[in-house]
């Protein structure tokens, strides 16, 4: 009788050990999966941030190029007006708005 009880206790103890080991492995896998998911999410956010920064840099560069074109155009019109006035040519009234070029 005592031998049968001892064997039953040993079997129950072995089952509990295997169950704890299995649960520990399962929890470890869940933690690893959560870490992988968090790592993937972090990488996605970092990539999104890099793309946003590149987009802003491109937009700023394009805006600067447009500003340079406008400045060059304004300087060109201003130089033509000065040349026209300096040459002593008559400027039509429409030329004061900068929309019509005067001729020498």
N, C-alpha and C. Protein backbone atom coordinates (compact mmCIF):
# COMPACT_ATOMS: atom_id res chain seq x y z
N UNK A 1 0.83 -1.19 0.00
CA UNK A 1 0.00 0.00 0.00
C UNK A 1 0.88 1.25 0.00
N UNK A 2 1.90 1.24 0.87
CA UNK A 2 2.78 2.41 0.93
C UNK A 2 3.57 2.54 -0.37
N UNK A 3 3.97 1.46 -0.95
CA UNK A 3 4.69 1.50 -2.23
C UNK A 3 3.83 2.07 -3.34
N UNK A 4 2.53 1.70 -3.37
CA UNK A 4 1.62 2.21 -4.39
C UNK A 4 1.41 3.71 -4.22
N UNK A 5 1.27 4.16 -2.97
CA UNK A 5 1.12 5.60 -2.71
C UNK A 5 2.38 6.36 -3.11
N UNK A 6 3.54 5.79 -2.79
CA UNK A 6 4.80 6.43 -3.15
C UNK A 6 4.91 6.56 -4.67
N UNK A 7 4.54 5.50 -5.39
CA UNK A 7 4.60 5.53 -6.85
C UNK A 7 3.63 6.57 -7.41
N UNK A 8 2.45 6.67 -6.84
CA UNK A 8 1.45 7.66 -7.29
C UNK A 8 1.96 9.07 -7.03
N UNK A 9 2.57 9.31 -5.90
CA UNK A 9 3.13 10.63 -5.57
C UNK A 9 4.26 10.97 -6.55
N UNK A 10 5.09 9.99 -6.85
CA UNK A 10 6.18 10.22 -7.80
C UNK A 10 5.63 10.57 -9.19
N UNK A 11 4.60 9.85 -9.60
CA UNK A 11 3.98 10.13 -10.91
C UNK A 11 3.37 11.53 -10.94
N UNK A 12 2.70 11.90 -9.88
CA UNK A 12 2.07 13.24 -9.81
C UNK A 12 3.15 14.32 -9.81
N UNK A 13 4.23 14.08 -9.08
CA UNK A 13 5.33 15.04 -9.02
C UNK A 13 5.99 15.19 -10.40
N UNK A 14 6.19 14.07 -11.09
CA UNK A 14 6.77 14.10 -12.44
C UNK A 14 5.84 14.85 -13.40
N UNK A 15 4.53 14.59 -13.30
CA UNK A 15 3.56 15.29 -14.14
C UNK A 15 3.60 16.80 -13.88
N UNK A 16 3.66 17.18 -12.61
CA UNK A 16 3.72 18.60 -12.25
C UNK A 16 5.00 19.23 -12.80
N UNK A 17 6.11 18.52 -12.72
CA UNK A 17 7.37 19.04 -13.27
C UNK A 17 7.29 19.26 -14.78
N UNK A 18 6.74 18.27 -15.48
CA UNK A 18 6.59 18.39 -16.93
C UNK A 18 5.63 19.53 -17.29
N UNK A 19 4.56 19.65 -16.51
CA UNK A 19 3.59 20.73 -16.76
C UNK A 19 4.23 22.09 -16.55
N UNK A 20 5.02 22.26 -15.48
CA UNK A 20 5.70 23.54 -15.23
C UNK A 20 6.71 23.83 -16.33
N UNK A 21 7.42 22.81 -16.79
CA UNK A 21 8.39 23.00 -17.86
C UNK A 21 7.68 23.44 -19.15
N UNK A 22 6.58 22.79 -19.45
CA UNK A 22 5.81 23.12 -20.65
C UNK A 22 5.26 24.55 -20.57
N UNK A 23 4.75 24.92 -19.42
CA UNK A 23 4.22 26.28 -19.23
C UNK A 23 5.34 27.30 -19.35
N UNK A 24 6.50 27.00 -18.78
CA UNK A 24 7.63 27.92 -18.88
C UNK A 24 8.07 28.12 -20.33
N UNK A 25 8.12 27.01 -21.08
CA UNK A 25 8.46 27.12 -22.50
C UNK A 25 7.43 27.95 -23.26
N UNK A 26 6.16 27.73 -22.97
CA UNK A 26 5.08 28.48 -23.63
C UNK A 26 5.17 29.96 -23.32
N UNK A 27 5.40 30.29 -22.06
CA UNK A 27 5.54 31.70 -21.67
C UNK A 27 6.76 32.31 -22.36
N UNK A 28 7.85 31.56 -22.41
CA UNK A 28 9.05 32.05 -23.10
C UNK A 28 8.79 32.34 -24.56
N UNK A 29 8.05 31.46 -25.21
CA UNK A 29 7.71 31.68 -26.62
C UNK A 29 6.83 32.90 -26.79
N UNK A 30 5.88 33.08 -25.88
CA UNK A 30 5.01 34.27 -25.95
C UNK A 30 5.82 35.55 -25.77
N UNK A 31 6.74 35.53 -24.83
CA UNK A 31 7.58 36.71 -24.59
C UNK A 31 8.43 36.98 -25.82
N UNK A 32 9.01 35.93 -26.40
CA UNK A 32 9.82 36.11 -27.61
C UNK A 32 8.98 36.68 -28.75
N UNK A 33 7.75 36.18 -28.89
CA UNK A 33 6.87 36.67 -29.95
C UNK A 33 6.52 38.13 -29.72
N UNK A 34 6.26 38.51 -28.46
CA UNK A 34 5.96 39.91 -28.14
C UNK A 34 7.16 40.80 -28.43
N UNK A 35 8.36 40.32 -28.09
CA UNK A 35 9.57 41.10 -28.36
C UNK A 35 9.79 41.25 -29.87
N UNK A 36 9.56 40.18 -30.62
CA UNK A 36 9.70 40.26 -32.08
C UNK A 36 8.71 41.27 -32.66
N UNK A 37 7.48 41.23 -32.17
CA UNK A 37 6.46 42.15 -32.66
C UNK A 37 6.83 43.59 -32.31
N UNK A 38 7.29 43.81 -31.09
CA UNK A 38 7.69 45.15 -30.68
C UNK A 38 8.89 45.63 -31.50
N UNK A 39 9.83 44.75 -31.76
CA UNK A 39 10.99 45.10 -32.56
C UNK A 39 10.58 45.47 -33.99
N UNK A 40 9.69 44.70 -34.56
CA UNK A 40 9.20 44.98 -35.91
C UNK A 40 8.47 46.30 -35.96
N UNK A 41 7.65 46.56 -34.96
CA UNK A 41 6.91 47.82 -34.90
C UNK A 41 7.88 49.00 -34.77
N UNK A 42 8.92 48.84 -33.96
CA UNK A 42 9.92 49.90 -33.79
C UNK A 42 10.65 50.18 -35.10
N UNK A 43 11.04 49.11 -35.80
CA UNK A 43 11.71 49.30 -37.08
C UNK A 43 10.81 50.00 -38.09
N UNK A 44 9.53 49.64 -38.09
CA UNK A 44 8.58 50.29 -39.01
C UNK A 44 8.46 51.77 -38.69
N UNK A 45 8.39 52.11 -37.41
CA UNK A 45 8.29 53.52 -37.02
C UNK A 45 9.56 54.28 -37.37
N UNK A 46 10.71 53.67 -37.20
CA UNK A 46 11.97 54.33 -37.55
C UNK A 46 12.06 54.56 -39.06
N UNK A 47 11.62 53.58 -39.84
CA UNK A 47 11.61 53.74 -41.29
C UNK A 47 10.65 54.85 -41.71
N UNK A 48 9.48 54.88 -41.07
CA UNK A 48 8.51 55.93 -41.36
C UNK A 48 9.09 57.31 -41.03
N UNK A 49 9.80 57.41 -39.92
CA UNK A 49 10.41 58.68 -39.53
C UNK A 49 11.47 59.09 -40.56
N UNK A 50 12.29 58.15 -41.01
CA UNK A 50 13.31 58.46 -42.01
C UNK A 50 12.68 58.93 -43.32
N UNK A 51 11.61 58.27 -43.74
CA UNK A 51 10.93 58.67 -44.97
C UNK A 51 10.31 60.06 -44.83
N UNK A 52 9.77 60.35 -43.65
CA UNK A 52 9.20 61.67 -43.40
C UNK A 52 10.28 62.74 -43.49
N UNK A 53 11.43 62.47 -42.89
CA UNK A 53 12.52 63.45 -42.93
C UNK A 53 12.99 63.66 -44.37
N UNK A 54 13.11 62.59 -45.13
CA UNK A 54 13.53 62.73 -46.52
C UNK A 54 12.51 63.52 -47.32
N UNK A 55 11.23 63.28 -47.08
CA UNK A 55 10.18 64.02 -47.78
C UNK A 55 10.25 65.51 -47.46
N UNK A 56 10.47 65.82 -46.19
CA UNK A 56 10.60 67.22 -45.80
C UNK A 56 11.83 67.86 -46.43
N UNK A 57 12.92 67.14 -46.48
CA UNK A 57 14.13 67.68 -47.11
C UNK A 57 13.90 67.95 -48.60
N UNK A 58 13.21 67.04 -49.27
CA UNK A 58 12.92 67.22 -50.70
C UNK A 58 11.99 68.42 -50.88
N UNK A 59 10.96 68.52 -50.05
CA UNK A 59 10.03 69.64 -50.16
C UNK A 59 10.74 70.96 -49.90
N UNK A 60 11.59 71.01 -48.90
CA UNK A 60 12.33 72.24 -48.60
C UNK A 60 13.29 72.59 -49.74
N UNK A 61 13.93 71.60 -50.31
CA UNK A 61 14.86 71.85 -51.42
C UNK A 61 14.10 72.39 -52.62
N UNK A 62 12.93 71.81 -52.92
CA UNK A 62 12.13 72.28 -54.04
C UNK A 62 11.64 73.70 -53.80
N UNK A 63 11.26 74.01 -52.59
CA UNK A 63 10.81 75.37 -52.27
C UNK A 63 11.96 76.35 -52.44
N UNK A 64 13.15 75.96 -52.04
CA UNK A 64 14.31 76.83 -52.19
C UNK A 64 14.63 77.05 -53.67
N UNK A 65 14.51 76.01 -54.47
CA UNK A 65 14.74 76.14 -55.92
C UNK A 65 13.73 77.11 -56.53
N UNK A 66 12.46 76.98 -56.15
CA UNK A 66 11.44 77.90 -56.65
C UNK A 66 11.74 79.33 -56.25
N UNK A 67 12.15 79.52 -55.00
CA UNK A 67 12.49 80.87 -54.54
C UNK A 67 13.65 81.43 -55.36
N UNK A 68 14.64 80.62 -55.66
CA UNK A 68 15.77 81.08 -56.46
C UNK A 68 15.31 81.46 -57.86
N UNK A 69 14.39 80.68 -58.44
CA UNK A 69 13.87 81.01 -59.76
C UNK A 69 13.12 82.34 -59.74
N UNK A 70 12.28 82.54 -58.70
CA UNK A 70 11.54 83.80 -58.59
C UNK A 70 12.50 84.98 -58.41
N UNK A 71 13.53 84.78 -57.58
CA UNK A 71 14.50 85.86 -57.37
C UNK A 71 15.23 86.17 -58.66
N UNK A 72 15.63 85.13 -59.40
CA UNK A 72 16.33 85.35 -60.66
C UNK A 72 15.43 86.05 -61.66
N UNK A 73 14.16 85.65 -61.71
CA UNK A 73 13.21 86.28 -62.62
C UNK A 73 13.00 87.74 -62.24
N UNK A 74 12.84 88.01 -60.95
CA UNK A 74 12.63 89.39 -60.50
C UNK A 74 13.87 90.22 -60.78
N UNK A 75 15.04 89.67 -60.57
CA UNK A 75 16.27 90.41 -60.84
C UNK A 75 16.41 90.67 -62.34
N UNK A 76 16.02 89.72 -63.16
CA UNK A 76 16.09 89.88 -64.60
C UNK A 76 15.17 91.00 -65.07
N UNK A 77 13.92 91.03 -64.55
CA UNK A 77 12.98 92.08 -64.91
C UNK A 77 13.47 93.43 -64.43
N UNK A 78 14.01 93.47 -63.25
CA UNK A 78 14.51 94.72 -62.69
C UNK A 78 15.68 95.24 -63.53
N UNK A 79 16.56 94.35 -63.96
CA UNK A 79 17.71 94.74 -64.78
C UNK A 79 17.25 95.28 -66.13
N UNK A 80 16.23 94.65 -66.73
CA UNK A 80 15.70 95.11 -68.02
C UNK A 80 15.09 96.50 -67.87
N UNK A 81 14.36 96.75 -66.76
CA UNK A 81 13.77 98.07 -66.53
C UNK A 81 14.87 99.11 -66.38
N UNK A 82 15.92 98.80 -65.65
CA UNK A 82 17.02 99.74 -65.47
C UNK A 82 17.70 100.04 -66.80
N UNK A 83 17.88 99.00 -67.61
CA UNK A 83 18.50 99.19 -68.91
C UNK A 83 17.64 100.08 -69.78
N UNK A 84 16.34 99.87 -69.73
CA UNK A 84 15.42 100.65 -70.53
C UNK A 84 15.45 102.12 -70.10
N UNK A 85 15.40 102.35 -68.80
CA UNK A 85 15.40 103.72 -68.27
C UNK A 85 16.76 104.37 -68.54
N UNK A 86 17.82 103.60 -68.33
CA UNK A 86 19.17 104.15 -68.53
C UNK A 86 19.43 104.50 -69.98
N UNK A 87 18.80 103.82 -70.90
CA UNK A 87 19.03 104.08 -72.32
C UNK A 87 18.26 105.31 -72.79
N UNK A 88 17.40 105.83 -71.94
CA UNK A 88 16.64 107.02 -72.30
C UNK A 88 15.42 106.72 -73.14
N UNK A 89 15.05 105.46 -73.25
CA UNK A 89 13.87 105.11 -74.05
C UNK A 89 12.62 105.44 -73.27
N UNK A 90 11.58 105.66 -73.98
CA UNK A 90 10.30 105.98 -73.34
C UNK A 90 9.68 104.69 -72.83
N UNK A 91 9.16 104.75 -71.61
CA UNK A 91 8.48 103.59 -71.03
C UNK A 91 6.99 103.79 -71.16
N UNK A 92 6.31 102.84 -71.72
CA UNK A 92 4.85 102.96 -71.76
C UNK A 92 4.29 102.83 -70.35
N UNK A 93 3.12 103.39 -70.10
CA UNK A 93 2.53 103.34 -68.75
C UNK A 93 2.35 101.91 -68.24
N UNK A 94 2.11 100.98 -69.14
CA UNK A 94 1.91 99.60 -68.70
C UNK A 94 3.19 99.00 -68.14
N UNK A 95 4.34 99.52 -68.51
CA UNK A 95 5.61 98.98 -68.07
C UNK A 95 5.85 99.21 -66.58
N UNK A 96 5.17 100.17 -66.00
CA UNK A 96 5.34 100.45 -64.58
C UNK A 96 4.90 99.27 -63.73
N UNK A 97 3.95 98.50 -64.20
CA UNK A 97 3.50 97.34 -63.44
C UNK A 97 4.46 96.17 -63.56
N UNK A 98 5.37 96.24 -64.50
CA UNK A 98 6.32 95.15 -64.69
C UNK A 98 5.80 94.07 -65.61
N UNK A 99 4.57 94.26 -66.12
CA UNK A 99 3.99 93.25 -66.98
C UNK A 99 4.39 93.43 -68.43
N UNK A 100 4.73 94.68 -68.82
CA UNK A 100 5.09 94.96 -70.20
C UNK A 100 6.53 95.44 -70.22
N UNK A 101 7.33 94.92 -71.12
CA UNK A 101 8.72 95.35 -71.22
C UNK A 101 8.79 96.55 -72.17
N UNK A 102 9.65 97.45 -71.80
CA UNK A 102 9.86 98.59 -72.71
C UNK A 102 10.97 98.24 -73.69
N UNK A 103 10.99 98.89 -74.82
CA UNK A 103 12.01 98.62 -75.83
C UNK A 103 12.88 99.84 -76.01
N UNK A 104 14.12 99.60 -76.28
CA UNK A 104 15.07 100.72 -76.45
C UNK A 104 15.02 101.21 -77.88
